[in-house]
C-alpha atoms as a PDB file:
ATOM      1  CA  MET A   1     -70.399  40.060  60.106  1.00  0.00           C
ATOM      2  CA  GLN A   2     -69.309  39.762  56.485  1.00  0.00           C
ATOM      3  CA  GLN A   3     -72.228  41.927  55.323  1.00  0.00           C
ATOM      4  CA  THR A   4     -71.360  44.607  57.872  1.00  0.00           C
ATOM      5  CA  ARG A   5     -67.765  44.734  56.650  1.00  0.00           C
ATOM      6  CA  LEU A   6     -68.889  44.848  53.025  1.00  0.00           C
ATOM      7  CA  GLY A   7     -71.298  47.694  53.817  1.00  0.00           C
ATOM      8  CA  ARG A   8     -68.613  49.686  55.580  1.00  0.00           C
ATOM      9  CA  THR A   9     -66.149  49.095  52.765  1.00  0.00           C
ATOM     10  CA  THR A  10     -68.724  50.321  50.255  1.00  0.00           C
ATOM     11  CA  GLN A  11     -69.425  53.434  52.333  1.00  0.00           C
ATOM     12  CA  TYR A  12     -65.711  54.137  52.730  1.00  0.00           C
ATOM     13  CA  ASN A  13     -65.122  53.841  48.984  1.00  0.00           C
ATOM     14  CA  GLN A  14     -68.058  56.120  48.190  1.00  0.00           C
ATOM     15  CA  LEU A  15     -66.851  58.699  50.703  1.00  0.00           C
ATOM     16  CA  ALA A  16     -63.307  58.593  49.325  1.00  0.00           C
ATOM     17  CA  LEU A  17     -64.621  59.142  45.799  1.00  0.00           C
ATOM     18  CA  ALA A  18     -66.771  62.072  46.952  1.00  0.00           C
ATOM     19  CA  VAL A  19     -63.804  63.694  48.723  1.00  0.00           C
ATOM     20  CA  ASP A  20     -61.679  63.306  45.586  1.00  0.00           C
ATOM     21  CA  LEU A  21     -64.364  64.928  43.430  1.00  0.00           C
ATOM     22  CA  ILE A  22     -64.727  67.842  45.848  1.00  0.00           C
ATOM     23  CA  ALA A  23     -60.950  68.330  45.908  1.00  0.00           C
ATOM     24  CA  GLU A  24     -60.881  68.407  42.106  1.00  0.00           C
ATOM     25  CA  ARG A  25     -63.574  71.086  42.075  1.00  0.00           C
ATOM     26  CA  ILE A  26     -61.677  73.173  44.611  1.00  0.00           C
ATOM     27  CA  ARG A  27     -58.478  72.901  42.544  1.00  0.00           C
ATOM     28  CA  ALA A  28     -60.441  73.881  39.422  1.00  0.00           C
ATOM     29  CA  PHE A  29     -61.083  77.241  41.101  1.00  0.00           C
ATOM     30  CA  GLY A  30     -57.347  77.644  41.617  1.00  0.00           C
ATOM     31  CA  ALA A  31     -57.383  77.113  45.371  1.00  0.00           C
ATOM     32  CA  PRO A  32     -55.298  74.517  47.178  1.00  0.00           C
ATOM     33  CA  ALA A  33     -57.410  71.506  48.075  1.00  0.00           C
ATOM     34  CA  PRO A  34     -57.364  70.153  51.620  1.00  0.00           C
ATOM     35  CA  GLY A  35     -55.185  67.074  52.062  1.00  0.00           C
ATOM     36  CA  SER A  36     -57.699  65.016  54.018  1.00  0.00           C
ATOM     37  CA  SER A  37     -61.409  64.718  54.703  1.00  0.00           C
ATOM     38  CA  TRP A  38     -60.722  66.068  58.221  1.00  0.00           C
ATOM     39  CA  MET A  39     -59.178  69.219  56.761  1.00  0.00           C
ATOM     40  CA  LEU A  40     -62.110  69.595  54.370  1.00  0.00           C
ATOM     41  CA  ARG A  41     -64.581  69.226  57.219  1.00  0.00           C
ATOM     42  CA  SER A  42     -62.793  71.925  59.243  1.00  0.00           C
ATOM     43  CA  LEU A  43     -63.120  74.351  56.313  1.00  0.00           C
ATOM     44  CA  LEU A  44     -66.859  73.738  56.056  1.00  0.00           C
ATOM     45  CA  ALA A  45     -67.577  74.319  59.745  1.00  0.00           C
END
Protein backbone atom coordinates (compact mmCIF):
# COMPACT_ATOMS: atom_id res chain seq x y z
CA MET A 1 0.00 0.00 0.00
CA GLN A 2 2.83 2.37 0.86
CA GLN A 3 4.49 1.79 -2.52
CA THR A 4 1.23 2.51 -4.33
CA ARG A 5 0.84 5.81 -2.50
CA LEU A 6 4.46 6.74 -3.17
CA GLY A 7 4.02 5.94 -6.87
CA ARG A 8 0.90 8.05 -7.12
CA THR A 9 2.54 10.92 -5.28
CA THR A 10 5.48 10.78 -7.68
CA GLN A 11 3.16 10.77 -10.69
CA TYR A 12 1.15 13.67 -9.29
CA ASN A 13 4.29 15.73 -8.70
CA GLN A 14 5.60 15.01 -12.19
CA LEU A 15 2.26 15.96 -13.74
CA ALA A 16 2.09 19.18 -11.73
CA LEU A 17 5.59 20.13 -12.87
CA ALA A 18 4.71 19.39 -16.51
CA VAL A 19 1.55 21.53 -16.30
CA ASP A 20 3.57 24.40 -14.80
CA LEU A 21 6.14 24.20 -17.60
CA ILE A 22 3.43 24.18 -20.27
CA ALA A 23 1.75 27.19 -18.65
CA GLU A 24 5.06 29.07 -18.65
CA ARG A 25 5.50 28.36 -22.35
CA ILE A 26 1.99 29.57 -23.11
CA ARG A 27 2.60 32.79 -21.15
CA ALA A 28 5.89 33.27 -23.01
CA PHE A 29 3.84 33.61 -26.20
CA GLY A 30 1.79 36.33 -24.53
CA ALA A 31 -1.38 34.28 -24.13
CA PRO A 32 -3.17 33.74 -20.84
CA ALA A 33 -2.37 30.31 -19.44
CA PRO A 34 -5.18 28.03 -18.30
CA GLY A 35 -5.68 27.97 -14.54
CA SER A 36 -5.89 24.20 -14.17
CA SER A 37 -4.93 20.98 -15.92
CA TRP A 38 -8.65 20.48 -16.71
CA MET A 39 -8.76 23.82 -18.53
CA LEU A 40 -5.57 22.95 -20.40
CA ARG A 41 -7.00 19.60 -21.44
CA SER A 42 -10.17 21.26 -22.77
CA LEU A 43 -8.05 23.56 -24.97
CA LEU A 44 -6.18 20.61 -26.46
CA ALA A 45 -9.29 18.62 -27.37
